[in-house]
Amino acid sequence: MYHLLTILTAIVFMWTTAAAAEPALGVWKSEPGETGGYIHVEIMPCEKNLCGIIREVVGNDNRSIIGRNIINDMKIKGNGKYNGGTIWAPDTDKTYRSHMTLDEDILTVSGCVAMILCRGQKWTRLE
């Protein structure tokens, strides 16, 4: 039993260390929307993938979206590439298949419906 507990602890530690080293983790600022407002999104580990939660709304009165998931089940592909997840667009209340690309402190986030209706933004790192 002791050996099993030791092995499980080591596995959890290795996964936590790998997740902590994931460069997309942190808080990101979206591009301003049509009204000039933008959001802060915290990207964090969710099981083996990444998710993102809206932490702050700036320049917009729509506080109801704070705490809502915006990125779900984004798979880590390595080398700053992520795909297979979804992104929710608060302005249209639509969910898109999504992928992300990280280049230093710029995270390019995009989503598509039916592979032809696509939207994207470049987010900047805050933390």
N, C-alpha and C. Protein backbone atom coordinates (compact mmCIF):
# COMPACT_ATOMS: atom_id res chain seq x y z
N MET A 1 0.83 -1.20 0.00
CA MET A 1 0.00 0.00 0.00
C MET A 1 0.88 1.26 0.00
N TYR A 2 1.96 1.22 0.76
CA TYR A 2 2.87 2.37 0.81
C TYR A 2 3.45 2.67 -0.57
N HIS A 3 3.83 1.61 -1.30
CA HIS A 3 4.40 1.81 -2.63
C HIS A 3 3.37 2.40 -3.60
N LEU A 4 2.14 1.97 -3.50
CA LEU A 4 1.09 2.50 -4.36
C LEU A 4 0.88 3.99 -4.09
N LEU A 5 0.87 4.38 -2.82
CA LEU A 5 0.70 5.78 -2.46
C LEU A 5 1.88 6.61 -2.96
N THR A 6 3.08 6.07 -2.86
CA THR A 6 4.28 6.76 -3.33
C THR A 6 4.21 6.96 -4.85
N ILE A 7 3.80 5.94 -5.57
CA ILE A 7 3.70 6.03 -7.03
C ILE A 7 2.63 7.05 -7.42
N LEU A 8 1.48 7.00 -6.79
CA LEU A 8 0.41 7.97 -7.10
C LEU A 8 0.85 9.40 -6.80
N THR A 9 1.55 9.60 -5.71
CA THR A 9 2.05 10.93 -5.36
C THR A 9 3.04 11.41 -6.42
N ALA A 10 3.92 10.54 -6.88
CA ALA A 10 4.90 10.91 -7.91
C ALA A 10 4.21 11.27 -9.22
N ILE A 11 3.17 10.53 -9.59
CA ILE A 11 2.44 10.83 -10.83
C ILE A 11 1.77 12.18 -10.73
N VAL A 12 1.10 12.45 -9.62
CA VAL A 12 0.45 13.75 -9.43
C VAL A 12 1.48 14.87 -9.46
N PHE A 13 2.62 14.68 -8.81
CA PHE A 13 3.67 15.69 -8.80
C PHE A 13 4.20 15.95 -10.20
N MET A 14 4.44 14.89 -10.99
CA MET A 14 4.94 15.07 -12.35
C MET A 14 3.93 15.81 -13.21
N TRP A 15 2.64 15.48 -13.11
CA TRP A 15 1.62 16.15 -13.91
C TRP A 15 1.50 17.61 -13.48
N THR A 16 1.52 17.88 -12.18
CA THR A 16 1.43 19.26 -11.68
C THR A 16 2.63 20.07 -12.14
N THR A 17 3.82 19.49 -12.11
CA THR A 17 5.02 20.19 -12.56
C THR A 17 4.95 20.47 -14.05
N ALA A 18 4.48 19.51 -14.83
CA ALA A 18 4.35 19.72 -16.28
C ALA A 18 3.32 20.80 -16.57
N ALA A 19 2.19 20.79 -15.86
CA ALA A 19 1.17 21.81 -16.07
C ALA A 19 1.69 23.18 -15.67
N ALA A 20 2.46 23.25 -14.59
CA ALA A 20 2.98 24.54 -14.14
C ALA A 20 3.94 25.13 -15.17
N ALA A 21 4.60 24.27 -15.93
CA ALA A 21 5.56 24.74 -16.92
C ALA A 21 4.88 25.10 -18.24
N GLU A 22 3.60 24.82 -18.38
CA GLU A 22 2.88 25.10 -19.62
C GLU A 22 2.84 26.62 -19.86
N PRO A 23 3.40 27.09 -20.97
CA PRO A 23 3.54 28.53 -21.19
C PRO A 23 2.24 29.30 -21.41
N ALA A 24 1.14 28.63 -21.76
CA ALA A 24 -0.12 29.36 -21.99
C ALA A 24 -0.86 29.67 -20.69
N LEU A 25 -0.43 29.07 -19.59
CA LEU A 25 -1.11 29.32 -18.32
C LEU A 25 -0.90 30.77 -17.91
N GLY A 26 -1.93 31.36 -17.33
CA GLY A 26 -1.84 32.73 -16.85
C GLY A 26 -3.06 33.54 -17.22
N VAL A 27 -2.95 34.86 -17.07
CA VAL A 27 -4.06 35.76 -17.34
C VAL A 27 -3.76 36.53 -18.62
N TRP A 28 -4.75 36.60 -19.50
CA TRP A 28 -4.62 37.19 -20.82
C TRP A 28 -5.67 38.28 -21.02
N LYS A 29 -5.31 39.30 -21.77
CA LYS A 29 -6.23 40.40 -22.11
C LYS A 29 -6.65 40.22 -23.57
N SER A 30 -7.97 40.19 -23.80
CA SER A 30 -8.47 40.06 -25.16
C SER A 30 -8.33 41.38 -25.90
N GLU A 31 -8.55 41.33 -27.21
CA GLU A 31 -8.63 42.56 -27.99
C GLU A 31 -9.95 43.26 -27.65
N PRO A 32 -10.00 44.57 -27.77
CA PRO A 32 -11.27 45.28 -27.54
C PRO A 32 -12.32 44.89 -28.57
N GLY A 33 -13.56 44.83 -28.12
CA GLY A 33 -14.68 44.56 -29.02
C GLY A 33 -15.16 45.84 -29.67
N GLU A 34 -16.31 45.77 -30.30
CA GLU A 34 -16.87 46.92 -31.02
C GLU A 34 -17.13 48.11 -30.11
N THR A 35 -17.44 47.87 -28.84
CA THR A 35 -17.73 48.97 -27.91
C THR A 35 -16.49 49.43 -27.16
N GLY A 36 -15.35 48.80 -27.43
CA GLY A 36 -14.11 49.17 -26.76
C GLY A 36 -13.83 48.35 -25.51
N GLY A 37 -14.80 47.55 -25.07
CA GLY A 37 -14.60 46.71 -23.90
C GLY A 37 -13.77 45.48 -24.21
N TYR A 38 -13.15 44.93 -23.18
CA TYR A 38 -12.35 43.71 -23.34
C TYR A 38 -12.45 42.89 -22.06
N ILE A 39 -11.93 41.68 -22.11
CA ILE A 39 -11.98 40.79 -20.96
C ILE A 39 -10.59 40.31 -20.58
N HIS A 40 -10.47 39.88 -19.33
CA HIS A 40 -9.28 39.18 -18.86
C HIS A 40 -9.68 37.72 -18.68
N VAL A 41 -8.89 36.83 -19.25
CA VAL A 41 -9.17 35.40 -19.21
C VAL A 41 -8.01 34.69 -18.51
N GLU A 42 -8.34 33.88 -17.52
CA GLU A 42 -7.32 33.07 -16.87
C GLU A 42 -7.33 31.68 -17.49
N ILE A 43 -6.19 31.29 -18.06
CA ILE A 43 -6.05 29.95 -18.64
C ILE A 43 -5.38 29.07 -17.60
N MET A 44 -5.98 27.91 -17.38
CA MET A 44 -5.51 26.99 -16.34
C MET A 44 -5.65 25.55 -16.80
N PRO A 45 -4.98 24.63 -16.09
CA PRO A 45 -5.15 23.21 -16.44
C PRO A 45 -6.54 22.72 -16.05
N CYS A 46 -7.10 21.90 -16.90
CA CYS A 46 -8.36 21.20 -16.63
C CYS A 46 -8.13 19.76 -17.04
N GLU A 47 -7.88 18.93 -16.06
CA GLU A 47 -7.45 17.56 -16.29
C GLU A 47 -6.19 17.59 -17.14
N LYS A 48 -6.16 16.96 -18.31
CA LYS A 48 -4.95 16.94 -19.15
C LYS A 48 -4.93 18.07 -20.16
N ASN A 49 -5.98 18.88 -20.22
CA ASN A 49 -6.10 19.93 -21.21
C ASN A 49 -6.10 21.31 -20.55
N LEU A 50 -6.46 22.34 -21.29
CA LEU A 50 -6.53 23.69 -20.76
C LEU A 50 -7.96 24.21 -20.86
N CYS A 51 -8.31 25.09 -19.94
CA CYS A 51 -9.57 25.80 -20.03
C CYS A 51 -9.31 27.26 -19.66
N GLY A 52 -10.26 28.10 -19.96
CA GLY A 52 -10.11 29.51 -19.66
C GLY A 52 -11.39 30.07 -19.08
N ILE A 53 -11.25 30.89 -18.03
CA ILE A 53 -12.39 31.47 -17.34
C ILE A 53 -12.27 32.99 -17.39
N ILE A 54 -13.37 33.65 -17.66
CA ILE A 54 -13.40 35.11 -17.68
C ILE A 54 -13.28 35.61 -16.24
N ARG A 55 -12.23 36.37 -15.96
CA ARG A 55 -11.97 36.87 -14.61
C ARG A 55 -12.38 38.33 -14.43
N GLU A 56 -12.37 39.10 -15.53
CA GLU A 56 -12.71 40.52 -15.41
C GLU A 56 -13.26 41.03 -16.73
N VAL A 57 -14.18 41.98 -16.65
CA VAL A 57 -14.72 42.67 -17.81
C VAL A 57 -14.35 44.14 -17.65
N VAL A 58 -13.73 44.72 -18.67
CA VAL A 58 -13.28 46.11 -18.61
C VAL A 58 -13.97 46.90 -19.73
N GLY A 59 -14.55 48.04 -19.38
CA GLY A 59 -15.17 48.91 -20.38
C GLY A 59 -16.50 48.42 -20.90
N ASN A 60 -17.16 47.57 -20.13
CA ASN A 60 -18.45 47.02 -20.54
C ASN A 60 -19.23 46.71 -19.27
N ASP A 61 -20.52 46.93 -19.28
CA ASP A 61 -21.34 46.69 -18.09
C ASP A 61 -21.78 45.25 -17.92
N ASN A 62 -21.44 44.36 -18.84
CA ASN A 62 -21.90 42.98 -18.80
C ASN A 62 -21.07 42.15 -17.81
N ARG A 63 -21.33 42.32 -16.55
CA ARG A 63 -20.60 41.59 -15.50
C ARG A 63 -21.09 40.15 -15.35
N SER A 64 -22.22 39.82 -15.97
CA SER A 64 -22.78 38.48 -15.81
C SER A 64 -21.89 37.39 -16.40
N ILE A 65 -20.93 37.76 -17.25
CA ILE A 65 -20.07 36.73 -17.87
C ILE A 65 -18.84 36.42 -17.02
N ILE A 66 -18.59 37.20 -15.97
CA ILE A 66 -17.44 36.93 -15.09
C ILE A 66 -17.64 35.56 -14.44
N GLY A 67 -16.58 34.75 -14.49
CA GLY A 67 -16.63 33.40 -13.94
C GLY A 67 -17.08 32.35 -14.94
N ARG A 68 -17.47 32.77 -16.11
CA ARG A 68 -17.94 31.83 -17.12
C ARG A 68 -16.76 31.26 -17.92
N ASN A 69 -16.85 29.98 -18.24
CA ASN A 69 -15.83 29.35 -19.08
C ASN A 69 -15.92 29.92 -20.48
N ILE A 70 -14.78 30.29 -21.03
CA ILE A 70 -14.72 30.77 -22.41
C ILE A 70 -13.94 29.78 -23.28
N ILE A 71 -12.96 29.11 -22.70
CA ILE A 71 -12.17 28.08 -23.41
C ILE A 71 -12.40 26.76 -22.70
N ASN A 72 -12.69 25.73 -23.47
CA ASN A 72 -12.95 24.40 -22.90
C ASN A 72 -12.18 23.33 -23.65
N ASP A 73 -11.57 22.42 -22.87
CA ASP A 73 -10.99 21.19 -23.40
C ASP A 73 -9.94 21.41 -24.50
N MET A 74 -9.13 22.46 -24.35
CA MET A 74 -8.09 22.76 -25.34
C MET A 74 -6.91 21.81 -25.13
N LYS A 75 -6.59 21.08 -26.16
CA LYS A 75 -5.52 20.08 -26.06
C LYS A 75 -4.16 20.72 -26.33
N ILE A 76 -3.18 20.34 -25.53
CA ILE A 76 -1.81 20.85 -25.63
C ILE A 76 -1.08 19.99 -26.66
N LYS A 77 -0.63 20.60 -27.75
CA LYS A 77 0.07 19.87 -28.81
C LYS A 77 1.57 20.05 -28.73
N GLY A 78 2.03 21.06 -27.99
CA GLY A 78 3.46 21.34 -27.86
C GLY A 78 3.89 22.44 -28.82
N ASN A 79 5.04 23.01 -28.53
CA ASN A 79 5.61 24.08 -29.35
C ASN A 79 4.65 25.26 -29.54
N GLY A 80 3.87 25.58 -28.49
CA GLY A 80 2.98 26.73 -28.56
C GLY A 80 1.73 26.52 -29.38
N LYS A 81 1.36 25.26 -29.62
CA LYS A 81 0.17 24.97 -30.42
C LYS A 81 -0.86 24.22 -29.56
N TYR A 82 -2.13 24.60 -29.75
CA TYR A 82 -3.23 24.04 -28.99
C TYR A 82 -4.42 23.89 -29.93
N ASN A 83 -5.17 22.77 -29.81
CA ASN A 83 -6.37 22.62 -30.64
C ASN A 83 -7.31 21.61 -30.02
N GLY A 84 -8.41 21.38 -30.73
CA GLY A 84 -9.37 20.37 -30.29
C GLY A 84 -10.35 20.85 -29.26
N GLY A 85 -10.24 22.09 -28.82
CA GLY A 85 -11.17 22.61 -27.82
C GLY A 85 -12.22 23.48 -28.45
N THR A 86 -12.95 24.16 -27.58
CA THR A 86 -13.96 25.10 -28.05
C THR A 86 -13.75 26.45 -27.36
N ILE A 87 -14.26 27.50 -27.99
CA ILE A 87 -14.25 28.83 -27.41
C ILE A 87 -15.64 29.42 -27.55
N TRP A 88 -16.08 30.06 -26.48
CA TRP A 88 -17.38 30.72 -26.46
C TRP A 88 -17.16 32.20 -26.72
N ALA A 89 -17.92 32.77 -27.65
CA ALA A 89 -17.82 34.19 -27.97
C ALA A 89 -18.93 34.92 -27.22
N PRO A 90 -18.58 35.71 -26.19
CA PRO A 90 -19.61 36.38 -25.40
C PRO A 90 -20.47 37.35 -26.20
N ASP A 91 -19.89 37.99 -27.22
CA ASP A 91 -20.65 38.99 -27.97
C ASP A 91 -21.75 38.38 -28.84
N THR A 92 -21.57 37.14 -29.28
CA THR A 92 -22.58 36.48 -30.12
C THR A 92 -23.27 35.32 -29.40
N ASP A 93 -22.75 34.95 -28.23
CA ASP A 93 -23.25 33.80 -27.47
C ASP A 93 -23.21 32.52 -28.32
N LYS A 94 -22.13 32.38 -29.10
CA LYS A 94 -21.93 31.18 -29.91
C LYS A 94 -20.63 30.49 -29.47
N THR A 95 -20.60 29.18 -29.63
CA THR A 95 -19.43 28.38 -29.31
C THR A 95 -18.82 27.87 -30.61
N TYR A 96 -17.51 28.02 -30.72
CA TYR A 96 -16.78 27.65 -31.94
C TYR A 96 -15.74 26.58 -31.62
N ARG A 97 -15.45 25.71 -32.60
CA ARG A 97 -14.27 24.84 -32.50
C ARG A 97 -13.07 25.76 -32.55
N SER A 98 -12.07 25.49 -31.75
CA SER A 98 -11.02 26.48 -31.58
C SER A 98 -9.62 25.87 -31.63
N HIS A 99 -8.68 26.76 -31.93
CA HIS A 99 -7.26 26.44 -31.76
C HIS A 99 -6.54 27.72 -31.34
N MET A 100 -5.37 27.54 -30.75
CA MET A 100 -4.59 28.66 -30.26
C MET A 100 -3.13 28.45 -30.64
N THR A 101 -2.43 29.56 -30.80
CA THR A 101 -0.99 29.53 -31.07
C THR A 101 -0.34 30.57 -30.18
N LEU A 102 0.71 30.17 -29.48
CA LEU A 102 1.42 31.06 -28.57
C LEU A 102 2.75 31.46 -29.18
N ASP A 103 3.00 32.78 -29.21
CA ASP A 103 4.27 33.32 -29.67
C ASP A 103 4.72 34.35 -28.64
N GLU A 104 5.60 33.92 -27.74
CA GLU A 104 6.06 34.72 -26.61
C GLU A 104 4.87 35.16 -25.76
N ASP A 105 4.54 36.45 -25.72
CA ASP A 105 3.44 36.92 -24.88
C ASP A 105 2.20 37.29 -25.70
N ILE A 106 2.06 36.71 -26.88
CA ILE A 106 0.88 36.90 -27.73
C ILE A 106 0.25 35.52 -27.96
N LEU A 107 -1.01 35.40 -27.59
CA LEU A 107 -1.76 34.17 -27.80
C LEU A 107 -2.81 34.45 -28.87
N THR A 108 -2.65 33.81 -30.02
CA THR A 108 -3.63 33.96 -31.09
C THR A 108 -4.70 32.90 -30.88
N VAL A 109 -5.92 33.36 -30.67
CA VAL A 109 -7.05 32.49 -30.37
C VAL A 109 -8.04 32.61 -31.53
N SER A 110 -8.44 31.48 -32.10
CA SER A 110 -9.41 31.55 -33.20
C SER A 110 -10.39 30.40 -33.10
N GLY A 111 -11.54 30.63 -33.70
CA GLY A 111 -12.58 29.61 -33.70
C GLY A 111 -13.34 29.63 -34.99
N CYS A 112 -13.85 28.47 -35.38
CA CYS A 112 -14.57 28.34 -36.64
C CYS A 112 -15.83 27.51 -36.46
N VAL A 113 -16.83 27.85 -37.25
CA VAL A 113 -18.04 27.05 -37.39
C VAL A 113 -18.04 26.55 -38.83
N ALA A 114 -18.16 25.26 -39.01
CA ALA A 114 -18.20 24.63 -40.33
C ALA A 114 -16.96 24.96 -41.17
N MET A 115 -15.86 25.25 -40.52
CA MET A 115 -14.55 25.50 -41.15
C MET A 115 -14.55 26.68 -42.14
N ILE A 116 -15.64 27.42 -42.24
CA ILE A 116 -15.65 28.56 -43.14
C ILE A 116 -15.97 29.87 -42.43
N LEU A 117 -16.72 29.80 -41.36
CA LEU A 117 -17.03 30.99 -40.59
C LEU A 117 -16.06 31.07 -39.42
N CYS A 118 -14.98 31.83 -39.58
CA CYS A 118 -13.93 31.88 -38.58
C CYS A 118 -13.75 33.29 -38.03
N ARG A 119 -13.36 33.36 -36.78
CA ARG A 119 -13.04 34.62 -36.11
C ARG A 119 -11.78 34.38 -35.28
N GLY A 120 -11.05 35.44 -35.00
CA GLY A 120 -9.86 35.29 -34.18
C GLY A 120 -9.44 36.59 -33.54
N GLN A 121 -8.63 36.46 -32.50
CA GLN A 121 -8.07 37.60 -31.79
C GLN A 121 -6.67 37.27 -31.33
N LYS A 122 -5.90 38.33 -31.11
CA LYS A 122 -4.58 38.19 -30.48
C LYS A 122 -4.71 38.73 -29.05
N TRP A 123 -4.46 37.86 -28.09
CA TRP A 123 -4.53 38.23 -26.68
C TRP A 123 -3.11 38.50 -26.17
N THR A 124 -2.98 39.43 -25.24
CA THR A 124 -1.68 39.73 -24.66
C THR A 124 -1.62 39.27 -23.21
N ARG A 125 -0.46 38.80 -22.80
CA ARG A 125 -0.28 38.28 -21.45
C ARG A 125 -0.31 39.40 -20.42
N LEU A 126 -1.06 39.19 -19.35
CA LEU A 126 -1.05 40.12 -18.22
C LEU A 126 -0.22 39.53 -17.07
N GLU A 127 -0.36 38.26 -16.82
CA GLU A 127 0.37 37.58 -15.72
C GLU A 127 0.91 36.27 -16.23
